[in-house]
Each structure stands twice: as structure tokens, then as C-alpha cells.
N, C-alpha and C. Protein backbone atom coordinates (compact mmCIF):
# COMPACT_ATOMS: atom_id res chain seq x y z
N MET A 1 190.52 77.67 152.84
CA MET A 1 191.05 79.10 151.84
C MET A 1 190.96 80.28 153.00
N PRO A 2 192.26 81.04 152.95
CA PRO A 2 192.28 82.20 153.73
C PRO A 2 191.33 83.31 153.20
N VAL A 3 190.78 84.13 154.08
CA VAL A 3 190.06 85.19 153.78
C VAL A 3 191.00 86.32 153.88
N HIS A 4 190.95 87.20 152.69
CA HIS A 4 191.78 88.46 152.75
C HIS A 4 191.00 89.72 152.84
N ASN A 5 191.39 90.73 153.24
CA ASN A 5 190.83 91.95 153.08
C ASN A 5 191.65 93.05 152.90
N THR A 6 192.88 92.90 152.33
CA THR A 6 193.86 93.85 151.52
C THR A 6 193.90 93.67 150.10
N ALA A 7 194.13 94.68 149.51
CA ALA A 7 194.17 94.62 148.20
C ALA A 7 195.36 93.62 147.74
N PRO A 8 194.82 92.82 146.78
CA PRO A 8 195.86 91.73 146.35
C PRO A 8 196.94 92.30 145.54
N GLU A 9 197.78 91.50 145.56
CA GLU A 9 199.16 92.03 144.87
C GLU A 9 199.24 91.58 143.19
N SER A 10 198.38 90.51 143.06
CA SER A 10 198.24 90.31 141.72
C SER A 10 197.17 91.10 140.83
N LYS A 11 197.57 91.68 139.85
CA LYS A 11 196.51 92.58 139.16
C LYS A 11 195.36 91.82 138.62
N PHE A 12 195.71 90.42 138.28
CA PHE A 12 194.69 89.60 137.82
C PHE A 12 193.53 89.33 139.03
N ILE A 13 193.87 89.04 140.23
CA ILE A 13 193.11 88.83 141.17
C ILE A 13 192.45 90.20 141.64
N TYR A 14 193.22 91.43 141.51
CA TYR A 14 192.49 92.60 141.71
C TYR A 14 191.28 92.81 140.81
N VAL A 15 191.43 92.39 139.47
CA VAL A 15 190.45 92.84 138.50
C VAL A 15 189.13 91.86 138.94
N ILE A 16 189.52 90.51 139.21
CA ILE A 16 188.45 89.48 139.37
C ILE A 16 187.64 89.92 140.54
N VAL A 17 188.23 90.36 141.65
CA VAL A 17 187.59 90.63 142.88
C VAL A 17 186.96 92.11 142.69
N THR A 18 187.31 92.96 141.96
CA THR A 18 186.64 94.19 141.78
C THR A 18 185.39 94.16 140.78
N SER A 19 185.71 93.41 139.90
CA SER A 19 184.50 93.08 138.86
C SER A 19 183.28 92.36 139.45
N ARG A 20 183.72 91.23 140.32
CA ARG A 20 182.69 90.47 140.96
C ARG A 20 181.75 91.44 141.93
N ARG A 21 182.50 92.17 142.70
CA ARG A 21 181.99 92.94 143.62
C ARG A 21 180.95 94.13 142.96
N ALA A 22 181.69 94.67 141.56
CA ALA A 22 180.72 95.73 141.10
C ALA A 22 179.32 95.01 140.54
N ARG A 23 179.59 93.75 140.21
CA ARG A 23 178.38 93.18 139.84
C ARG A 23 177.14 93.07 140.85
N GLN A 24 177.84 92.51 142.00
CA GLN A 24 176.94 92.80 143.30
C GLN A 24 176.43 93.97 143.58
N LEU A 25 177.24 95.07 143.63
CA LEU A 25 176.75 96.53 143.51
C LEU A 25 175.63 96.94 142.59
N GLN A 26 175.77 96.41 141.25
CA GLN A 26 174.78 96.67 140.33
C GLN A 26 173.40 96.06 140.44
N SER A 27 173.57 94.91 141.20
CA SER A 27 172.56 94.11 141.51
C SER A 27 171.58 94.51 142.69
N GLY A 28 172.19 95.57 143.43
CA GLY A 28 171.29 96.29 144.42
C GLY A 28 172.06 96.22 145.72
N ALA A 29 173.36 95.43 145.84
CA ALA A 29 173.86 95.41 147.13
C ALA A 29 174.42 96.77 147.54
N ARG A 30 174.48 97.00 148.77
CA ARG A 30 174.88 98.16 149.48
C ARG A 30 176.24 98.38 149.66
N PRO A 31 176.99 99.53 149.12
CA PRO A 31 178.23 99.95 149.51
C PRO A 31 178.76 99.59 150.91
N LEU A 32 179.94 98.97 150.97
CA LEU A 32 180.57 98.74 152.37
C LEU A 32 181.23 99.84 152.77
N VAL A 33 181.25 100.94 152.19
CA VAL A 33 181.97 102.32 152.62
C VAL A 33 180.88 103.38 152.88
N ASP A 34 181.00 104.16 153.75
CA ASP A 34 180.18 105.29 154.03
C ASP A 34 180.50 106.33 152.93
N LEU A 35 179.38 106.89 152.48
CA LEU A 35 179.55 108.01 151.51
C LEU A 35 180.62 107.73 150.40
N PRO A 36 180.59 106.65 149.40
CA PRO A 36 181.39 106.50 148.62
C PRO A 36 181.80 107.82 147.71
N ARG A 37 183.06 107.82 147.42
CA ARG A 37 183.49 109.06 146.49
C ARG A 37 183.01 108.98 145.17
N ALA A 38 182.55 108.04 144.50
CA ALA A 38 182.08 107.75 143.30
C ALA A 38 180.85 107.26 143.28
N ARG A 39 180.05 107.25 142.21
CA ARG A 39 178.68 106.56 142.11
C ARG A 39 178.68 105.22 141.02
N LYS A 40 179.77 105.05 140.32
CA LYS A 40 180.10 103.98 139.43
C LYS A 40 180.06 102.78 140.21
N PRO A 41 179.58 101.58 140.10
CA PRO A 41 179.76 100.30 140.92
C PRO A 41 181.35 99.70 140.80
N THR A 42 181.96 99.90 139.62
CA THR A 42 183.45 99.57 139.51
C THR A 42 184.40 100.45 140.47
N ARG A 43 184.05 101.89 140.56
CA ARG A 43 184.77 102.71 141.54
C ARG A 43 184.52 102.43 142.74
N ILE A 44 183.26 102.25 143.29
CA ILE A 44 182.86 101.93 144.48
C ILE A 44 183.58 100.49 145.02
N ALA A 45 183.73 99.56 144.11
CA ALA A 45 184.52 98.30 144.39
C ALA A 45 185.86 98.30 144.69
N GLN A 46 186.47 99.36 143.83
CA GLN A 46 187.75 99.43 143.92
C GLN A 46 188.22 100.13 145.34
N GLU A 47 187.33 101.19 145.59
CA GLU A 47 187.43 102.10 146.98
C GLU A 47 187.17 100.96 148.23
N GLU A 48 186.23 99.98 148.19
CA GLU A 48 186.15 99.12 149.08
C GLU A 48 187.28 98.31 149.26
N LEU A 49 187.96 97.99 148.12
CA LEU A 49 189.10 97.02 148.06
C LEU A 49 190.21 97.61 148.72
N LEU A 50 190.41 98.90 148.32
CA LEU A 50 191.83 99.63 148.70
C LEU A 50 191.52 100.01 150.16
N LYS A 51 190.29 100.27 150.70
CA LYS A 51 190.10 100.61 152.19
C LYS A 51 190.22 99.33 153.18
N GLY A 52 190.10 98.14 152.57
CA GLY A 52 190.18 96.86 153.38
C GLY A 52 188.94 96.38 153.94
N VAL A 53 187.72 96.99 153.46
CA VAL A 53 186.51 96.60 153.89
C VAL A 53 185.89 95.37 153.25
N LEU A 54 186.50 95.11 152.14
CA LEU A 54 185.81 94.11 151.17
C LEU A 54 186.86 92.79 151.28
N GLU A 55 186.05 91.74 151.85
CA GLU A 55 186.65 90.37 152.23
C GLU A 55 186.51 89.62 151.07
N TYR A 56 187.72 88.72 150.52
CA TYR A 56 187.49 87.95 149.49
C TYR A 56 188.52 86.68 149.64
N GLU A 57 188.28 85.58 148.98
CA GLU A 57 189.03 84.36 148.91
C GLU A 57 189.75 84.14 147.87
N VAL A 58 190.92 83.71 147.85
CA VAL A 58 191.47 83.22 146.72
C VAL A 58 191.64 81.85 146.56
N PRO A 59 191.07 80.96 145.60
CA PRO A 59 191.24 79.55 145.61
C PRO A 59 192.49 79.10 145.30
N GLU A 60 192.92 78.08 146.03
CA GLU A 60 194.42 77.65 145.81
C GLU A 60 194.42 76.93 144.33
N ARG A 61 195.59 77.06 143.78
CA ARG A 61 195.69 76.49 142.49
C ARG A 61 195.95 75.00 142.75
N PRO A 62 195.22 74.20 141.86
CA PRO A 62 195.04 72.83 141.87
C PRO A 62 196.74 72.31 141.36
N GLU A 63 197.02 71.34 142.02
CA GLU A 63 198.22 70.69 141.88
C GLU A 63 198.28 69.82 140.61
N THR A 64 199.53 70.18 139.77
CA THR A 64 199.65 69.59 138.38
C THR A 64 200.07 68.05 138.70
N ALA A 65 200.10 67.35 137.40
CA ALA A 65 200.47 66.19 137.54
C ALA A 65 201.82 65.92 137.79
N GLU A 66 202.50 67.15 137.36
CA GLU A 66 204.20 66.93 137.50
C GLU A 66 204.37 67.41 138.98
N GLU A 67 203.70 68.16 139.59
CA GLU A 67 203.93 68.39 140.95
C GLU A 67 203.61 67.18 141.87
N ARG A 68 202.37 66.45 141.56
CA ARG A 68 202.12 65.29 142.34
C ARG A 68 203.13 64.23 142.15
N GLU A 69 203.78 64.09 140.99
CA GLU A 69 204.77 62.98 140.57
C GLU A 69 206.06 63.46 141.46
N SER A 70 206.46 64.58 141.51
CA SER A 70 207.58 65.15 142.40
C SER A 70 207.46 64.89 143.82
N ARG A 71 206.32 65.13 144.30
CA ARG A 71 206.05 64.89 145.72
C ARG A 71 206.19 63.28 145.97
N ARG A 72 205.59 62.69 144.99
CA ARG A 72 205.63 61.18 145.27
C ARG A 72 206.97 60.68 145.33
N ARG A 73 207.80 61.07 144.53
CA ARG A 73 209.21 60.70 144.39
C ARG A 73 210.00 61.11 145.79
N LYS A 74 209.73 62.22 146.24
CA LYS A 74 210.40 62.73 147.80
C LYS A 74 209.92 62.08 148.61
N GLY A 75 208.72 61.53 148.82
CA GLY A 75 208.02 60.99 149.91
C GLY A 75 208.15 59.56 150.13
């Protein structure tokens, strides 16, 4: 799985990554940015993501039975 450090294009992925990081911050993790502009964990997580200092992985989507069958026919 590739590791990313730029803001994701998918809004869904953006929300997932930000919320997971915010939970880490609420549990005591230190911010990855010096002097965060906000105090709320969600805002700090957003800032980290937008500045490119937060690395994350996006799992690949599992192949569907239809895609496997299509690949089998071609091969």
C-alpha cells in the first residue's frame, strides 16, 4: 500500500483520515505541526493533513467477483 502525505482527493478519505488523527490527538498524541493555529483536535488534524506532514495509507478496494470473472475470461 502506498503511503500518502498530501490531502486526499476523496472527501470520504479526507474525513476518515482527519477523524482518526483527531482521535489520536485527543488521546495525547503530540501535534505534527509547530504552533498549531487551533486548539481543537479536528482542526489540528486538518492543518497537519493540508500541510503534508501527516502520512496515511489508503487500503486498496477488494476485487469483486465480477472483476475476477472478467479478468479470468481475458487471461
